[in-house]
PDB file of N, CA and C in Angstrom:
ATOM      1  N   MET A   1      -0.824 -10.778  18.649  1.00  0.00           N
ATOM      2  CA  MET A   1       0.238 -11.751  18.835  1.00  0.00           C
ATOM      3  C   MET A   1      -0.175 -13.114  18.276  1.00  0.00           C
ATOM      4  N   GLU A   2      -1.470 -13.379  18.257  1.00  0.00           N
ATOM      5  CA  GLU A   2      -1.916 -14.655  17.693  1.00  0.00           C
ATOM      6  C   GLU A   2      -1.661 -14.704  16.190  1.00  0.00           C
ATOM      7  N   ALA A   3      -1.882 -13.588  15.521  1.00  0.00           N
ATOM      8  CA  ALA A   3      -1.663 -13.532  14.071  1.00  0.00           C
ATOM      9  C   ALA A   3      -0.187 -13.695  13.741  1.00  0.00           C
ATOM     10  N   ARG A   4       0.682 -13.230  14.624  1.00  0.00           N
ATOM     11  CA  ARG A   4       2.120 -13.352  14.401  1.00  0.00           C
ATOM     12  C   ARG A   4       2.538 -14.809  14.269  1.00  0.00           C
ATOM     13  N   LYS A   5       1.956 -15.666  15.081  1.00  0.00           N
ATOM     14  CA  LYS A   5       2.304 -17.084  15.039  1.00  0.00           C
ATOM     15  C   LYS A   5       2.003 -17.689  13.669  1.00  0.00           C
ATOM     16  N   SER A   6       0.786 -17.464  13.192  1.00  0.00           N
ATOM     17  CA  SER A   6       0.421 -18.045  11.901  1.00  0.00           C
ATOM     18  C   SER A   6       1.182 -17.374  10.756  1.00  0.00           C
ATOM     19  N   TRP A   7       1.411 -16.065  10.866  1.00  0.00           N
ATOM     20  CA  TRP A   7       2.160 -15.342   9.835  1.00  0.00           C
ATOM     21  C   TRP A   7       3.591 -15.865   9.738  1.00  0.00           C
ATOM     22  N   SER A   8       4.224 -16.082  10.864  1.00  0.00           N
ATOM     23  CA  SER A   8       5.624 -16.518  10.848  1.00  0.00           C
ATOM     24  C   SER A   8       5.777 -17.943  10.313  1.00  0.00           C
ATOM     25  N   GLN A   9       4.700 -18.705  10.304  1.00  0.00           N
ATOM     26  CA  GLN A   9       4.766 -20.080   9.803  1.00  0.00           C
ATOM     27  C   GLN A   9       4.506 -20.178   8.300  1.00  0.00           C
ATOM     28  N   LEU A  10       4.059 -19.088   7.696  1.00  0.00           N
ATOM     29  CA  LEU A  10       3.851 -19.086   6.248  1.00  0.00           C
ATOM     30  C   LEU A  10       5.197 -19.058   5.541  1.00  0.00           C
ATOM     31  N   PRO A  11       5.306 -19.734   4.411  1.00  0.00           N
ATOM     32  CA  PRO A  11       6.534 -19.636   3.626  1.00  0.00           C
ATOM     33  C   PRO A  11       6.733 -18.203   3.141  1.00  0.00           C
ATOM     34  N   TRP A  12       7.965 -17.819   2.928  1.00  0.00           N
ATOM     35  CA  TRP A  12       8.251 -16.437   2.539  1.00  0.00           C
ATOM     36  C   TRP A  12       7.599 -16.083   1.209  1.00  0.00           C
ATOM     37  N   GLU A  13       7.420 -17.083   0.326  1.00  0.00           N
ATOM     38  CA  GLU A  13       6.787 -16.820  -0.958  1.00  0.00           C
ATOM     39  C   GLU A  13       5.343 -16.354  -0.788  1.00  0.00           C
ATOM     40  N   GLN A  14       4.629 -16.966   0.144  1.00  0.00           N
ATOM     41  CA  GLN A  14       3.247 -16.567   0.394  1.00  0.00           C
ATOM     42  C   GLN A  14       3.174 -15.188   1.043  1.00  0.00           C
ATOM     43  N   ARG A  15       4.072 -14.926   1.971  1.00  0.00           N
ATOM     44  CA  ARG A  15       4.089 -13.595   2.602  1.00  0.00           C
ATOM     45  C   ARG A  15       4.399 -12.521   1.576  1.00  0.00           C
ATOM     46  N   ALA A  16       5.372 -12.773   0.709  1.00  0.00           N
ATOM     47  CA  ALA A  16       5.710 -11.810  -0.338  1.00  0.00           C
ATOM     48  C   ALA A  16       4.540 -11.634  -1.296  1.00  0.00           C
ATOM     49  N   GLY A  17       3.820 -12.704  -1.579  1.00  0.00           N
ATOM     50  CA  GLY A  17       2.667 -12.636  -2.466  1.00  0.00           C
ATOM     51  C   GLY A  17       1.581 -11.718  -1.941  1.00  0.00           C
ATOM     52  N   ILE A  18       1.396 -11.714  -0.640  1.00  0.00           N
ATOM     53  CA  ILE A  18       0.405 -10.826  -0.021  1.00  0.00           C
ATOM     54  C   ILE A  18       0.793  -9.371  -0.246  1.00  0.00           C
ATOM     55  N   PHE A  19       2.054  -9.051  -0.061  1.00  0.00           N
ATOM     56  CA  PHE A  19       2.517  -7.678  -0.270  1.00  0.00           C
ATOM     57  C   PHE A  19       2.453  -7.282  -1.744  1.00  0.00           C
ATOM     58  N   LEU A  20       2.756  -8.227  -2.633  1.00  0.00           N
ATOM     59  CA  LEU A  20       2.666  -7.934  -4.058  1.00  0.00           C
ATOM     60  C   LEU A  20       1.217  -7.676  -4.479  1.00  0.00           C
ATOM     61  N   ARG A  21       0.296  -8.442  -3.936  1.00  0.00           N
ATOM     62  CA  ARG A  21      -1.117  -8.224  -4.245  1.00  0.00           C
ATOM     63  C   ARG A  21      -1.583  -6.867  -3.727  1.00  0.00           C
ATOM     64  N   ALA A  22      -1.153  -6.496  -2.533  1.00  0.00           N
ATOM     65  CA  ALA A  22      -1.503  -5.184  -1.990  1.00  0.00           C
ATOM     66  C   ALA A  22      -0.949  -4.073  -2.883  1.00  0.00           C
ATOM     67  N   ALA A  23       0.261  -4.237  -3.373  1.00  0.00           N
ATOM     68  CA  ALA A  23       0.854  -3.234  -4.264  1.00  0.00           C
ATOM     69  C   ALA A  23       0.062  -3.125  -5.567  1.00  0.00           C
ATOM     70  N   GLU A  24      -0.410  -4.259  -6.101  1.00  0.00           N
ATOM     71  CA  GLU A  24      -1.231  -4.232  -7.313  1.00  0.00           C
ATOM     72  C   GLU A  24      -2.527  -3.466  -7.084  1.00  0.00           C
ATOM     73  N   LEU A  25      -3.151  -3.683  -5.946  1.00  0.00           N
ATOM     74  CA  LEU A  25      -4.404  -2.994  -5.642  1.00  0.00           C
ATOM     75  C   LEU A  25      -4.192  -1.497  -5.464  1.00  0.00           C
ATOM     76  N   ILE A  26      -3.110  -1.137  -4.796  1.00  0.00           N
ATOM     77  CA  ILE A  26      -2.827   0.281  -4.574  1.00  0.00           C
ATOM     78  C   ILE A  26      -2.461   0.968  -5.885  1.00  0.00           C
ATOM     79  N   ALA A  27      -1.743   0.281  -6.742  1.00  0.00           N
ATOM     80  CA  ALA A  27      -1.364   0.857  -8.039  1.00  0.00           C
ATOM     81  C   ALA A  27      -2.540   0.907  -9.001  1.00  0.00           C
ATOM     82  N   GLY A  28      -3.556   0.106  -8.754  1.00  0.00           N
ATOM     83  CA  GLY A  28      -4.691   0.033  -9.670  1.00  0.00           C
ATOM     84  C   GLY A  28      -5.938   0.706  -9.129  1.00  0.00           C
ATOM     85  N   PRO A  29      -6.910  -0.095  -8.697  1.00  0.00           N
ATOM     86  CA  PRO A  29      -8.223   0.453  -8.354  1.00  0.00           C
ATOM     87  C   PRO A  29      -8.266   1.371  -7.134  1.00  0.00           C
ATOM     88  N   TYR A  30      -7.291   1.284  -6.248  1.00  0.00           N
ATOM     89  CA  TYR A  30      -7.326   2.110  -5.042  1.00  0.00           C
ATOM     90  C   TYR A  30      -6.415   3.331  -5.110  1.00  0.00           C
ATOM     91  N   ARG A  31      -5.748   3.520  -6.239  1.00  0.00           N
ATOM     92  CA  ARG A  31      -4.793   4.623  -6.371  1.00  0.00           C
ATOM     93  C   ARG A  31      -5.458   5.984  -6.143  1.00  0.00           C
ATOM     94  N   ALA A  32      -6.599   6.198  -6.746  1.00  0.00           N
ATOM     95  CA  ALA A  32      -7.290   7.485  -6.608  1.00  0.00           C
ATOM     96  C   ALA A  32      -7.720   7.739  -5.164  1.00  0.00           C
ATOM     97  N   LYS A  33      -8.168   6.694  -4.476  1.00  0.00           N
ATOM     98  CA  LYS A  33      -8.582   6.859  -3.073  1.00  0.00           C
ATOM     99  C   LYS A  33      -7.391   7.182  -2.177  1.00  0.00           C
ATOM    100  N   ILE A  34      -6.275   6.521  -2.422  1.00  0.00           N
ATOM    101  CA  ILE A  34      -5.060   6.807  -1.646  1.00  0.00           C
ATOM    102  C   ILE A  34      -4.631   8.252  -1.866  1.00  0.00           C
ATOM    103  N   ASN A  35      -4.631   8.676  -3.121  1.00  0.00           N
ATOM    104  CA  ASN A  35      -4.230  10.055  -3.427  1.00  0.00           C
ATOM    105  C   ASN A  35      -5.203  11.063  -2.828  1.00  0.00           C
ATOM    106  N   ALA A  36      -6.499  10.803  -2.953  1.00  0.00           N
ATOM    107  CA  ALA A  36      -7.494  11.721  -2.407  1.00  0.00           C
ATOM    108  C   ALA A  36      -7.376  11.826  -0.890  1.00  0.00           C
ATOM    109  N   SER A  37      -7.165  10.704  -0.231  1.00  0.00           N
ATOM    110  CA  SER A  37      -7.001  10.718   1.227  1.00  0.00           C
ATOM    111  C   SER A  37      -5.784  11.533   1.635  1.00  0.00           C
ATOM    112  N   THR A  38      -4.700  11.388   0.889  1.00  0.00           N
ATOM    113  CA  THR A  38      -3.484  12.148   1.183  1.00  0.00           C
ATOM    114  C   THR A  38      -3.709  13.635   0.951  1.00  0.00           C
ATOM    115  N   MET A  39      -4.411  13.965  -0.117  1.00  0.00           N
ATOM    116  CA  MET A  39      -4.677  15.377  -0.411  1.00  0.00           C
ATOM    117  C   MET A  39      -5.508  16.016   0.693  1.00  0.00           C
ATOM    118  N   ILE A  40      -6.509  15.312   1.168  1.00  0.00           N
ATOM    119  CA  ILE A  40      -7.380  15.856   2.214  1.00  0.00           C
ATOM    120  C   ILE A  40      -6.664  15.928   3.556  1.00  0.00           C
ATOM    121  N   ALA A  41      -6.034  14.839   3.936  1.00  0.00           N
ATOM    122  CA  ALA A  41      -5.436  14.758   5.269  1.00  0.00           C
ATOM    123  C   ALA A  41      -4.187  15.614   5.424  1.00  0.00           C
ATOM    124  N   GLN A  42      -3.419  15.767   4.343  1.00  0.00           N
ATOM    125  CA  GLN A  42      -2.144  16.459   4.454  1.00  0.00           C
ATOM    126  C   GLN A  42      -2.080  17.751   3.636  1.00  0.00           C
ATOM    127  N   SER A  43      -3.210  18.154   3.083  1.00  0.00           N
ATOM    128  CA  SER A  43      -3.290  19.382   2.276  1.00  0.00           C
ATOM    129  C   SER A  43      -2.245  19.409   1.163  1.00  0.00           C
ATOM    130  N   LYS A  44      -2.175  18.325   0.404  1.00  0.00           N
ATOM    131  CA  LYS A  44      -1.211  18.237  -0.684  1.00  0.00           C
ATOM    132  C   LYS A  44      -1.921  18.419  -2.022  1.00  0.00           C
ATOM    133  N   THR A  45      -1.148  18.805  -3.022  1.00  0.00           N
ATOM    134  CA  THR A  45      -1.702  18.889  -4.373  1.00  0.00           C
ATOM    135  C   THR A  45      -1.779  17.480  -4.950  1.00  0.00           C
ATOM    136  N   VAL A  46      -2.423  17.358  -6.100  1.00  0.00           N
ATOM    137  CA  VAL A  46      -2.546  16.047  -6.725  1.00  0.00           C
ATOM    138  C   VAL A  46      -1.169  15.484  -7.086  1.00  0.00           C
ATOM    139  N   PHE A  47      -0.264  16.329  -7.514  1.00  0.00           N
ATOM    140  CA  PHE A  47       1.070  15.875  -7.878  1.00  0.00           C
ATOM    141  C   PHE A  47       1.862  15.424  -6.649  1.00  0.00           C
ATOM    142  N   GLN A  48       1.759  16.183  -5.566  1.00  0.00           N
ATOM    143  CA  GLN A  48       2.440  15.806  -4.324  1.00  0.00           C
ATOM    144  C   GLN A  48       1.876  14.513  -3.771  1.00  0.00           C
ATOM    145  N   ALA A  49       0.555  14.364  -3.830  1.00  0.00           N
ATOM    146  CA  ALA A  49      -0.077  13.154  -3.308  1.00  0.00           C
ATOM    147  C   ALA A  49       0.365  11.928  -4.104  1.00  0.00           C
ATOM    148  N   GLU A  50       0.452  12.063  -5.404  1.00  0.00           N
ATOM    149  CA  GLU A  50       0.878  10.945  -6.248  1.00  0.00           C
ATOM    150  C   GLU A  50       2.279  10.486  -5.864  1.00  0.00           C
ATOM    151  N   ILE A  51       3.163  11.441  -5.666  1.00  0.00           N
ATOM    152  CA  ILE A  51       4.548  11.104  -5.314  1.00  0.00           C
ATOM    153  C   ILE A  51       4.638  10.578  -3.886  1.00  0.00           C
ATOM    154  N   ASP A  52       4.012  11.279  -2.955  1.00  0.00           N
ATOM    155  CA  ASP A  52       4.149  10.946  -1.539  1.00  0.00           C
ATOM    156  C   ASP A  52       3.350   9.723  -1.117  1.00  0.00           C
ATOM    157  N   ALA A  53       2.219   9.480  -1.733  1.00  0.00           N
ATOM    158  CA  ALA A  53       1.362   8.388  -1.256  1.00  0.00           C
ATOM    159  C   ALA A  53       1.440   7.178  -2.171  1.00  0.00           C
ATOM    160  N   ALA A  54       0.858   7.287  -3.339  1.00  0.00           N
ATOM    161  CA  ALA A  54       0.732   6.112  -4.204  1.00  0.00           C
ATOM    162  C   ALA A  54       2.079   5.526  -4.598  1.00  0.00           C
ATOM    163  N   CYS A  55       2.955   6.334  -5.153  1.00  0.00           N
ATOM    164  CA  CYS A  55       4.246   5.811  -5.621  1.00  0.00           C
ATOM    165  C   CYS A  55       5.078   5.232  -4.488  1.00  0.00           C
ATOM    166  N   GLU A  56       5.188   5.957  -3.408  1.00  0.00           N
ATOM    167  CA  GLU A  56       5.998   5.473  -2.284  1.00  0.00           C
ATOM    168  C   GLU A  56       5.406   4.197  -1.684  1.00  0.00           C
ATOM    169  N   PHE A  57       4.092   4.156  -1.597  1.00  0.00           N
ATOM    170  CA  PHE A  57       3.419   3.010  -1.002  1.00  0.00           C
ATOM    171  C   PHE A  57       3.620   1.754  -1.851  1.00  0.00           C
ATOM    172  N   VAL A  58       3.472   1.896  -3.157  1.00  0.00           N
ATOM    173  CA  VAL A  58       3.638   0.754  -4.054  1.00  0.00           C
ATOM    174  C   VAL A  58       5.077   0.277  -4.051  1.00  0.00           C
ATOM    175  N   ILE A  59       6.019   1.192  -4.069  1.00  0.00           N
ATOM    176  CA  ILE A  59       7.431   0.815  -4.070  1.00  0.00           C
ATOM    177  C   ILE A  59       7.805   0.100  -2.785  1.00  0.00           C
ATOM    178  N   PHE A  60       7.237   0.558  -1.670  1.00  0.00           N
ATOM    179  CA  PHE A  60       7.540  -0.096  -0.385  1.00  0.00           C
ATOM    180  C   PHE A  60       7.138  -1.538  -0.435  1.00  0.00           C
TER     181      PHE A  60
END
């Protein structure tokens, strides 16, 4: 709840910037780890993991 206070006081541009940076990281250097984690945890193929994890996560 303490983090909520400081988060809500940030301008929307800064909050959006945080999400955009996270999307860049997931689409770039962490994409393989996200896909591998999905494949292991949910028994998905590489193609299913790409669609279900990386793509959906970045779009969100």
